[in-house]
Protein backbone atom coordinates (compact mmCIF):
# COMPACT_ATOMS: atom_id res chain seq x y z
CA UNK A 1 -5.38 -4.12 24.10
CA UNK A 2 -3.93 -0.59 24.14
CA UNK A 3 -1.73 0.34 21.16
CA UNK A 4 0.20 3.39 20.07
CA UNK A 5 -0.24 3.44 16.31
CA UNK A 6 2.34 5.44 14.31
CA UNK A 7 1.22 6.24 10.78
CA UNK A 8 2.28 8.72 8.12
CA UNK A 9 -0.65 11.13 8.39
CA UNK A 10 -4.37 11.49 9.03
CA UNK A 11 -5.61 8.98 6.42
CA UNK A 12 -9.17 10.29 6.27
CA UNK A 13 -10.43 11.01 3.71
CA UNK A 14 -8.22 8.45 1.95
CA UNK A 15 -7.10 9.85 -1.40
CA UNK A 16 -4.37 7.34 -2.30
CA UNK A 17 -3.57 3.68 -1.81
CA UNK A 18 -1.43 4.15 1.29
CA UNK A 19 -4.13 6.13 3.07
CA UNK A 20 -6.85 3.67 2.00
CA UNK A 21 -4.90 0.81 3.55
CA UNK A 22 -4.00 2.68 6.74
CA UNK A 23 -7.51 4.04 7.21
CA UNK A 24 -9.07 0.63 6.75
CA UNK A 25 -6.69 -1.07 9.18
CA UNK A 26 -7.06 1.63 11.84
CA UNK A 27 -10.85 1.69 11.79
CA UNK A 28 -11.26 -2.08 11.50
CA UNK A 29 -8.80 -2.72 14.35
CA UNK A 30 -10.68 -0.24 16.54
CA UNK A 31 -14.01 -1.86 15.60
CA UNK A 32 -12.49 -5.20 16.61
CA UNK A 33 -11.96 -3.89 20.15
CA UNK A 34 -8.45 -2.43 20.12
CA UNK A 35 -7.86 0.84 21.98
CA UNK A 36 -5.83 3.01 19.62
CA UNK A 37 -3.94 6.27 19.91
CA UNK A 38 -3.03 7.18 16.34
CA UNK A 39 -0.07 9.49 15.68
CA UNK A 40 0.66 11.13 12.34
CA UNK A 41 0.78 14.41 10.48
CA UNK A 42 -2.31 16.56 10.08
CA UNK A 43 -3.40 17.00 6.48
CA UNK A 44 -5.12 19.87 4.67
CA UNK A 45 -8.75 18.83 4.50
CA UNK A 46 -8.19 15.96 6.93
CA UNK A 47 -11.15 14.72 8.97
CA UNK A 48 -9.46 14.65 12.38
CA UNK A 49 -8.03 17.24 14.76
CA UNK A 50 -5.20 16.85 17.21
CA UNK A 51 -6.39 15.69 20.61
CA UNK A 52 -9.86 14.69 19.47
CA UNK A 53 -11.47 11.26 19.68
CA UNK A 54 -13.51 9.75 16.88
CA UNK A 55 -15.03 6.26 16.65
CA UNK A 56 -13.13 5.23 19.76
CA UNK A 57 -9.77 6.32 18.30
CA UNK A 58 -7.67 9.05 19.90
CA UNK A 59 -5.97 11.18 17.24
CA UNK A 60 -2.67 12.98 17.90
CA UNK A 61 -1.52 14.95 14.89
CA UNK A 62 1.61 17.04 14.32
CA UNK A 63 1.78 19.94 11.83
CA UNK A 64 2.53 18.73 8.31
CA UNK A 65 5.87 20.39 7.60
CA UNK A 66 8.13 17.70 6.11
CA UNK A 67 11.86 18.24 6.24
CA UNK A 68 13.75 19.20 3.10
CA UNK A 69 14.92 16.47 0.75
CA UNK A 70 18.34 18.15 0.90
CA UNK A 71 18.59 17.27 4.61
CA UNK A 72 17.96 13.63 3.76
CA UNK A 73 21.04 13.46 1.56
CA UNK A 74 23.24 13.80 4.64
CA UNK A 75 21.08 11.67 6.92
CA UNK A 76 21.62 8.00 7.77
CA UNK A 77 17.89 7.64 7.18
CA UNK A 78 16.36 7.13 3.72
CA UNK A 79 14.40 10.01 2.24
CA UNK A 80 10.99 8.56 3.11
CA UNK A 81 11.86 8.41 6.80
CA UNK A 82 14.12 11.47 6.97
CA UNK A 83 11.39 13.80 5.74
CA UNK A 84 8.95 12.75 8.49
CA UNK A 85 11.48 13.13 11.33
CA UNK A 86 10.44 16.68 12.17
CA UNK A 87 11.00 18.19 15.58
CA UNK A 88 7.27 18.37 16.25
CA UNK A 89 6.73 14.73 15.29
CA UNK A 90 9.67 13.54 17.41
CA UNK A 91 8.37 15.45 20.42
CA UNK A 92 4.88 14.06 19.97
CA UNK A 93 6.05 10.46 19.63
CA UNK A 94 8.36 10.74 22.65
CA UNK A 95 5.63 12.36 24.75
CA UNK A 96 3.15 9.60 23.96
CA UNK A 97 5.65 6.77 24.44
CA UNK A 98 6.17 7.99 28.02
CA UNK A 99 2.53 8.98 28.64
CA UNK A 100 1.12 5.48 29.06
CA UNK A 101 2.03 1.83 29.25
CA UNK A 102 1.31 0.51 25.79
CA UNK A 103 0.64 -3.15 25.10
CA UNK A 104 2.18 -2.75 21.66
CA UNK A 105 3.62 -0.14 19.32
CA UNK A 106 2.39 -0.34 15.73
CA UNK A 107 4.61 1.18 13.04
CA UNK A 108 2.20 1.55 10.14
CA UNK A 109 4.40 1.95 7.06
CA UNK A 110 8.07 2.54 6.64
CA UNK A 111 7.92 6.34 6.82
CA UNK A 112 8.05 6.54 10.63
CA UNK A 113 10.68 3.82 11.03
CA UNK A 114 13.02 6.28 12.76
CA UNK A 115 10.82 5.93 15.89
CA UNK A 116 12.36 2.50 16.44
CA UNK A 117 15.33 4.15 18.14
CA UNK A 118 13.02 5.70 20.77
CA UNK A 119 11.57 2.40 21.98
CA UNK A 120 14.59 1.69 24.19
CA UNK A 121 13.57 4.70 26.28
CA UNK A 122 10.44 2.86 27.41
CA UNK A 123 11.76 -0.67 27.77
CA UNK A 124 11.11 -1.68 24.14
CA UNK A 125 7.43 -2.71 24.20
CA UNK A 126 6.28 -5.29 21.61
CA UNK A 127 6.61 -3.91 18.09
CA UNK A 128 4.30 -4.58 15.14
CA UNK A 129 5.49 -3.48 11.71
CA UNK A 130 2.78 -3.06 9.05
CA UNK A 131 4.58 -3.08 5.71
CA UNK A 132 2.90 -1.46 2.75
CA UNK A 133 5.64 -2.79 0.45
CA UNK A 134 8.89 -4.68 0.62
CA UNK A 135 10.64 -1.32 0.60
CA UNK A 136 14.14 -2.58 -0.21
CA UNK A 137 13.03 -4.29 -3.42
CA UNK A 138 10.93 -1.29 -4.37
CA UNK A 139 13.79 1.16 -3.78
CA UNK A 140 16.14 -0.93 -5.90
CA UNK A 141 13.56 -1.08 -8.69
CA UNK A 142 12.94 2.68 -8.49
CA UNK A 143 16.68 3.38 -8.73
CA UNK A 144 17.03 1.07 -11.73
CA UNK A 145 14.17 2.88 -13.50
CA UNK A 146 15.79 6.31 -13.09
CA UNK A 147 17.13 7.58 -16.41
CA UNK A 148 19.23 10.47 -15.08
CA UNK A 149 22.69 9.06 -14.14
CA UNK A 150 23.24 11.37 -11.15
CA UNK A 151 19.75 10.79 -9.80
CA UNK A 152 20.24 7.05 -10.30
CA UNK A 153 23.36 7.14 -8.09
CA UNK A 154 21.48 9.09 -5.42
CA UNK A 155 18.60 6.62 -5.49
CA UNK A 156 20.97 3.66 -5.22
CA UNK A 157 22.53 5.23 -2.12
CA UNK A 158 19.06 5.83 -0.73
CA UNK A 159 18.13 2.19 -1.46
CA UNK A 160 21.04 1.09 0.74
CA UNK A 161 19.63 3.25 3.56
CA UNK A 162 16.18 1.77 2.97
CA UNK A 163 17.60 -1.74 3.28
CA UNK A 164 19.26 -0.96 6.62
CA UNK A 165 16.17 0.61 8.17
CA UNK A 166 13.79 -2.05 6.89
CA UNK A 167 16.06 -4.85 8.17
CA UNK A 168 16.17 -3.19 11.58
CA UNK A 169 12.39 -2.81 11.75
CA UNK A 170 11.83 -6.44 10.81
CA UNK A 171 14.52 -7.71 13.20
CA UNK A 172 12.97 -5.90 16.18
CA UNK A 173 9.33 -6.66 15.34
CA UNK A 174 7.43 -9.47 17.01
CA UNK A 175 4.99 -9.36 14.11
CA UNK A 176 5.36 -8.17 10.52
CA UNK A 177 2.34 -7.91 8.25
CA UNK A 178 2.41 -7.50 4.48
CA UNK A 179 -0.34 -7.10 1.91
CA UNK A 180 1.00 -9.51 -0.74
CA UNK A 181 2.16 -13.13 -0.49
CA UNK A 182 5.24 -12.25 -2.54
CA UNK A 183 6.37 -9.59 -0.06
CA UNK A 184 5.64 -11.97 2.83
CA UNK A 185 7.99 -14.49 1.23
CA UNK A 186 10.73 -11.88 0.90
CA UNK A 187 10.44 -10.92 4.57
CA UNK A 188 10.49 -14.57 5.64
CA UNK A 189 13.51 -15.36 3.46
CA UNK A 190 15.53 -12.53 4.98
CA UNK A 191 14.26 -12.99 8.57
CA UNK A 192 13.20 -16.62 9.05
CA UNK A 193 12.74 -16.20 12.82
CA UNK A 194 10.28 -13.31 12.48
CA UNK A 195 6.54 -13.97 12.42
CA UNK A 196 5.16 -12.67 9.10
CA UNK A 197 1.44 -12.53 8.31
CA UNK A 198 -0.36 -11.87 5.04
CA UNK A 199 -2.79 -8.99 5.65
CA UNK A 200 -4.58 -7.86 2.48
CA UNK A 201 -6.61 -4.67 2.35
CA UNK A 202 -10.36 -4.80 2.64
CA UNK A 203 -12.79 -3.20 0.25
CA UNK A 204 -15.30 -0.55 1.28
CA UNK A 205 -16.11 1.06 -2.05
CA UNK A 206 -18.94 0.68 -4.51
CA UNK A 207 -20.19 -2.88 -5.01
CA UNK A 208 -22.18 -3.35 -8.19
CA UNK A 209 -24.66 -6.17 -7.66
CA UNK A 210 -25.37 -6.87 -11.29
CA UNK A 211 -23.68 -5.65 -14.48
CA UNK A 212 -23.18 -7.22 -17.87
CA UNK A 213 -20.79 -6.36 -20.66
CA UNK A 214 -22.75 -6.11 -23.90
CA UNK A 215 -22.33 -4.78 -27.41
CA UNK A 216 -23.97 -1.57 -26.19
CA UNK A 217 -21.08 -0.97 -23.80
CA UNK A 218 -18.59 1.40 -25.49
CA UNK A 219 -15.50 -0.25 -27.04
CA UNK A 220 -13.44 1.30 -24.32
CA UNK A 221 -10.70 0.21 -21.91
CA UNK A 222 -9.90 2.04 -18.70
CA UNK A 223 -6.91 2.54 -16.41
CA UNK A 224 -7.67 3.97 -12.96
CA UNK A 225 -4.95 5.27 -10.64
CA UNK A 226 -2.77 8.14 -9.54
CA UNK A 227 0.38 8.86 -11.50
CA UNK A 228 2.41 11.13 -9.24
CA UNK A 229 5.10 8.51 -8.65
CA UNK A 230 7.88 8.14 -11.23
CA UNK A 231 7.62 4.33 -11.52
CA UNK A 232 3.88 4.54 -12.23
CA UNK A 233 4.44 7.28 -14.79
CA UNK A 234 7.09 5.24 -16.57
CA UNK A 235 4.84 2.16 -16.67
CA UNK A 236 2.06 4.26 -18.20
CA UNK A 237 4.39 5.87 -20.76
CA UNK A 238 5.78 2.48 -21.80
CA UNK A 239 2.32 0.98 -22.20
CA UNK A 240 0.91 3.93 -24.17
CA UNK A 241 3.87 3.89 -26.57
CA UNK A 242 2.83 0.36 -27.55
CA UNK A 243 -0.94 0.35 -27.08
CA UNK A 244 -2.16 3.77 -28.22
CA UNK A 245 -1.35 3.39 -31.94
CA UNK A 246 -2.73 -0.17 -31.94
CA UNK A 247 -5.93 0.92 -30.20
CA UNK A 248 -6.33 3.86 -32.60
CA UNK A 249 -6.17 1.53 -35.59
CA UNK A 250 -8.63 -0.88 -33.95
CA UNK A 251 -11.11 1.88 -33.01
CA UNK A 252 -10.73 1.28 -29.27
CA UNK A 253 -10.83 4.14 -26.76
CA UNK A 254 -8.56 4.15 -23.70
CA UNK A 255 -9.51 6.31 -20.72
CA UNK A 256 -6.81 7.06 -18.12
CA UNK A 257 -8.63 8.25 -15.00
CA UNK A 258 -6.75 9.70 -12.04
CA UNK A 259 -4.45 12.29 -10.54
CA UNK A 260 -1.28 13.37 -12.33
CA UNK A 261 0.67 16.58 -12.78
CA UNK A 262 -0.88 18.85 -15.39
CA UNK A 263 2.42 19.18 -17.28
CA UNK A 264 2.80 15.39 -17.45
CA UNK A 265 -0.71 14.96 -18.85
CA UNK A 266 -0.24 17.82 -21.31
CA UNK A 267 2.90 16.15 -22.66
CA UNK A 268 1.16 12.80 -23.07
CA UNK A 269 -1.87 14.33 -24.80
CA UNK A 270 0.40 15.60 -27.59
CA UNK A 271 1.53 12.08 -28.47
CA UNK A 272 -1.65 9.96 -28.34
CA UNK A 273 -4.64 9.38 -30.60
CA UNK A 274 -6.84 6.81 -28.84
CA UNK A 275 -6.23 7.85 -25.23
CA UNK A 276 -8.18 10.36 -23.15
CA UNK A 277 -6.81 11.65 -19.83
CA UNK A 278 -9.38 12.90 -17.33
CA UNK A 279 -7.05 13.96 -14.50
CA UNK A 280 -8.40 13.65 -10.99
CA UNK A 281 -12.18 13.09 -10.81
CA UNK A 282 -14.60 13.19 -7.89
CA UNK A 283 -16.06 9.78 -8.71
CA UNK A 284 -14.53 7.09 -10.94
CA UNK A 285 -17.72 4.98 -10.96
CA UNK A 286 -19.32 6.53 -14.08
CA UNK A 287 -16.09 5.98 -16.03
CA UNK A 288 -15.93 2.30 -15.03
CA UNK A 289 -19.59 1.84 -15.92
CA UNK A 290 -18.89 2.91 -19.51
CA UNK A 291 -15.91 0.62 -20.15
CA UNK A 292 -15.78 -2.93 -21.49
CA UNK A 293 -12.62 -3.86 -19.62
CA UNK A 294 -9.99 -2.56 -17.21
CA UNK A 295 -6.20 -2.61 -17.52
CA UNK A 296 -3.33 -3.07 -15.07
CA UNK A 297 -0.15 -2.33 -17.07
CA UNK A 298 1.94 -1.62 -13.93
CA UNK A 299 5.49 -2.94 -13.74
CA UNK A 300 5.81 -2.40 -9.99
CA UNK A 301 5.23 -4.72 -7.01
CA UNK A 302 2.63 -4.35 -4.26
CA UNK A 303 -1.11 -4.79 -3.86
CA UNK A 304 -3.13 -2.81 -6.41
CA UNK A 305 -6.24 -1.42 -4.72
CA UNK A 306 -7.61 -0.48 -8.12
CA UNK A 307 -7.86 -4.23 -8.78
CA UNK A 308 -10.58 -4.39 -6.13
CA UNK A 309 -12.34 -1.40 -7.68
CA UNK A 310 -12.38 -3.22 -11.01
CA UNK A 311 -13.66 -6.49 -9.55
CA UNK A 312 -16.45 -5.01 -7.44
CA UNK A 313 -17.55 -2.70 -10.23
CA UNK A 314 -17.68 -5.83 -12.42
CA UNK A 315 -15.06 -4.94 -14.99
CA UNK A 316 -13.13 -7.76 -16.68
CA UNK A 317 -9.41 -7.33 -15.97
CA UNK A 318 -6.53 -7.54 -18.45
CA UNK A 319 -3.15 -7.18 -16.73
CA UNK A 320 0.56 -7.85 -16.81
CA UNK A 321 1.57 -11.15 -15.22
CA UNK A 322 2.34 -10.66 -11.54
CA UNK A 323 0.75 -7.21 -11.38
CA UNK A 324 -2.12 -8.22 -9.05
CA UNK A 325 -0.45 -10.07 -6.14
CA UNK A 326 -2.73 -11.00 -3.26
CA UNK A 327 -5.85 -11.31 -5.43
CA UNK A 328 -7.30 -14.79 -6.12
CA UNK A 329 -7.54 -14.33 -9.88
CA UNK A 330 -6.75 -17.13 -12.33
CA UNK A 331 -5.54 -16.51 -15.86
CA UNK A 332 -8.19 -17.33 -18.43
CA UNK A 333 -10.89 -17.89 -15.82
CA UNK A 334 -11.25 -14.69 -13.79
CA UNK A 335 -8.70 -12.39 -15.49
CA UNK A 336 -6.34 -12.32 -18.46
CA UNK A 337 -2.61 -12.00 -17.80
CA UNK A 338 0.12 -11.23 -20.32
CA UNK A 339 3.94 -11.22 -20.09
CA UNK A 340 4.51 -7.77 -21.63
CA UNK A 341 2.83 -4.62 -22.88
CA UNK A 342 2.80 -5.74 -26.50
CA UNK A 343 0.87 -8.92 -25.79
CA UNK A 344 -1.39 -7.13 -23.31
CA UNK A 345 -2.43 -4.63 -25.98
CA UNK A 346 -2.89 -7.41 -28.53
CA UNK A 347 -5.00 -9.37 -26.04
CA UNK A 348 -7.32 -6.40 -25.57
CA UNK A 349 -7.79 -6.00 -29.32
CA UNK A 350 -8.46 -9.71 -29.79
CA UNK A 351 -10.99 -9.88 -26.95
CA UNK A 352 -12.86 -6.59 -26.80
CA UNK A 353 -15.69 -7.71 -29.10
CA UNK A 354 -16.21 -11.08 -27.41
CA UNK A 355 -18.60 -9.61 -24.86
CA UNK A 356 -19.82 -13.01 -23.66
CA UNK A 357 -16.26 -14.01 -22.70
CA UNK A 358 -15.67 -10.63 -21.05
CA UNK A 359 -18.85 -11.06 -19.04
CA UNK A 360 -17.72 -14.51 -17.86
CA UNK A 361 -14.41 -13.05 -16.71
CA UNK A 362 -15.99 -10.37 -14.54
CA UNK A 363 -18.51 -12.81 -13.05
CA UNK A 364 -15.75 -15.26 -12.10
CA UNK A 365 -13.56 -12.50 -10.63
CA UNK A 366 -16.43 -11.21 -8.51
CA UNK A 367 -17.19 -14.71 -7.22
CA UNK A 368 -13.51 -15.33 -6.37
CA UNK A 369 -13.10 -12.06 -4.44
CA UNK A 370 -16.55 -11.65 -2.90
CA UNK A 371 -15.69 -13.02 0.57
CA UNK A 372 -11.95 -12.32 0.65
CA UNK A 373 -11.70 -8.59 1.38
CA UNK A 374 -13.99 -7.85 4.34
CA UNK A 375 -12.51 -5.14 6.59
CA UNK A 376 -14.31 -6.47 9.66
CA UNK A 377 -12.69 -9.88 9.31
CA UNK A 378 -9.29 -8.33 8.56
CA UNK A 379 -9.51 -6.12 11.68
CA UNK A 380 -10.27 -9.15 13.86
CA UNK A 381 -7.40 -11.06 12.27
CA UNK A 382 -5.00 -8.19 13.02
CA UNK A 383 -6.21 -7.84 16.61
CA UNK A 384 -5.76 -11.56 17.25
CA UNK A 385 -2.29 -11.58 15.73
CA UNK A 386 -1.18 -8.61 17.84
CA UNK A 387 -2.59 -10.22 21.00
CA UNK A 388 -0.66 -13.41 20.25
CA UNK A 389 2.50 -11.43 19.55
CA UNK A 390 2.18 -9.54 22.86
CA UNK A 391 1.52 -12.77 24.77
CA UNK A 392 4.57 -14.42 23.20
CA UNK A 393 6.67 -11.36 24.01
CA UNK A 394 5.54 -11.49 27.66
CA UNK A 395 6.39 -15.19 27.92
CA UNK A 396 9.79 -14.63 26.33
CA UNK A 397 10.52 -11.74 28.68
CA UNK A 398 9.62 -13.85 31.75
CA UNK A 399 11.69 -16.77 30.46
CA UNK A 400 14.73 -14.56 29.95
CA UNK A 401 14.24 -13.04 33.40
CA UNK A 402 14.07 -16.51 35.02
CA UNK A 403 17.20 -17.69 33.25
CA UNK A 404 19.08 -14.53 34.23
CA UNK A 405 18.07 -14.67 37.94
CA UNK A 406 20.71 -17.22 39.14
CA UNK A 407 23.42 -15.22 37.42
CA UNK A 408 22.40 -12.07 39.25
CA UNK A 409 22.25 -13.94 42.58
CA UNK A 410 25.72 -15.37 42.09
CA UNK A 411 27.17 -12.00 41.16
CA UNK A 412 25.66 -10.36 44.25
CA UNK A 413 26.74 -13.12 46.56
């Protein structure tokens, strides 16, 4: 099975959720026996070089010079896709499309969706679309969260472009994968004839074999993540406005661990009493080790990879309802879920000293997730699904050819 795999950029080392997911899928698919040529942008500090082969994967990387956002305003493409449509990337994709006969083309994430238009040049080989989000819903939510009226209008226009491109990708794909059941349902509702498969991420990070929450553990909650995206920043701001004064009065520390702009963190530090911001750290493990519980206050859709970090580092999870799609966690048994930030903060205060209950939560979460996020199994599942999609495409192509043959004979005779 020989596939041309189009992704945003060299995902190794993976420093955000998108790269973690892409890296895991690429390497696990290759380990499952797929022959991959991966196309993306080179990255500063990236592990791979253009034209080199590593772990059975051929890497073809274009210089990372994204197009201006200003150009995207006048493009039919949404900003995410317009910025990646550089001349060098277009040339590289076209060259590789014509260089070999590919069993399938994998579009890994929405960002390179513009390549769909090039597939007609090579007879439209079977297409697999790996969705990292239901981009239309996310774009609408991002636009609604924008406070600046002019920017909100621009984001609404961009959301309309997102909807068109995503619909086209799904309509032309023989297989669509998504990492949450909720997004799978949205794809199926809009395209009932398209095969959609739930494909969660695997976990390859630290697995703590044994850990217990005790009274010796600091009375501390933790939020891990990166906060460079406006929707994540707004979720954090909204939660801190409610939780920080309550935590300060209750003597609870809150650590926010992860990348964010220095100016954003400086502004937040001026308004909090119980919260400590670390910025980006080399290793989050020591911070998780010294917390009694972990928080997911996000108000955005999509799989939260930090949820797996929490589970496998044996941290009890307190989260907003619906914030951990794709994870087999049950309210009250393996996690605590709350409808809003106010009740989430109150739940933390009410529970943080019941260390026996916290310990039961993390044990149950670990047991529920232990066998569900194995990259090897996920790679095999993806390989099998692509093989089935290619086989179905071949049968459909032959069937159409057979049905068209009498018509051609009649026309020629």
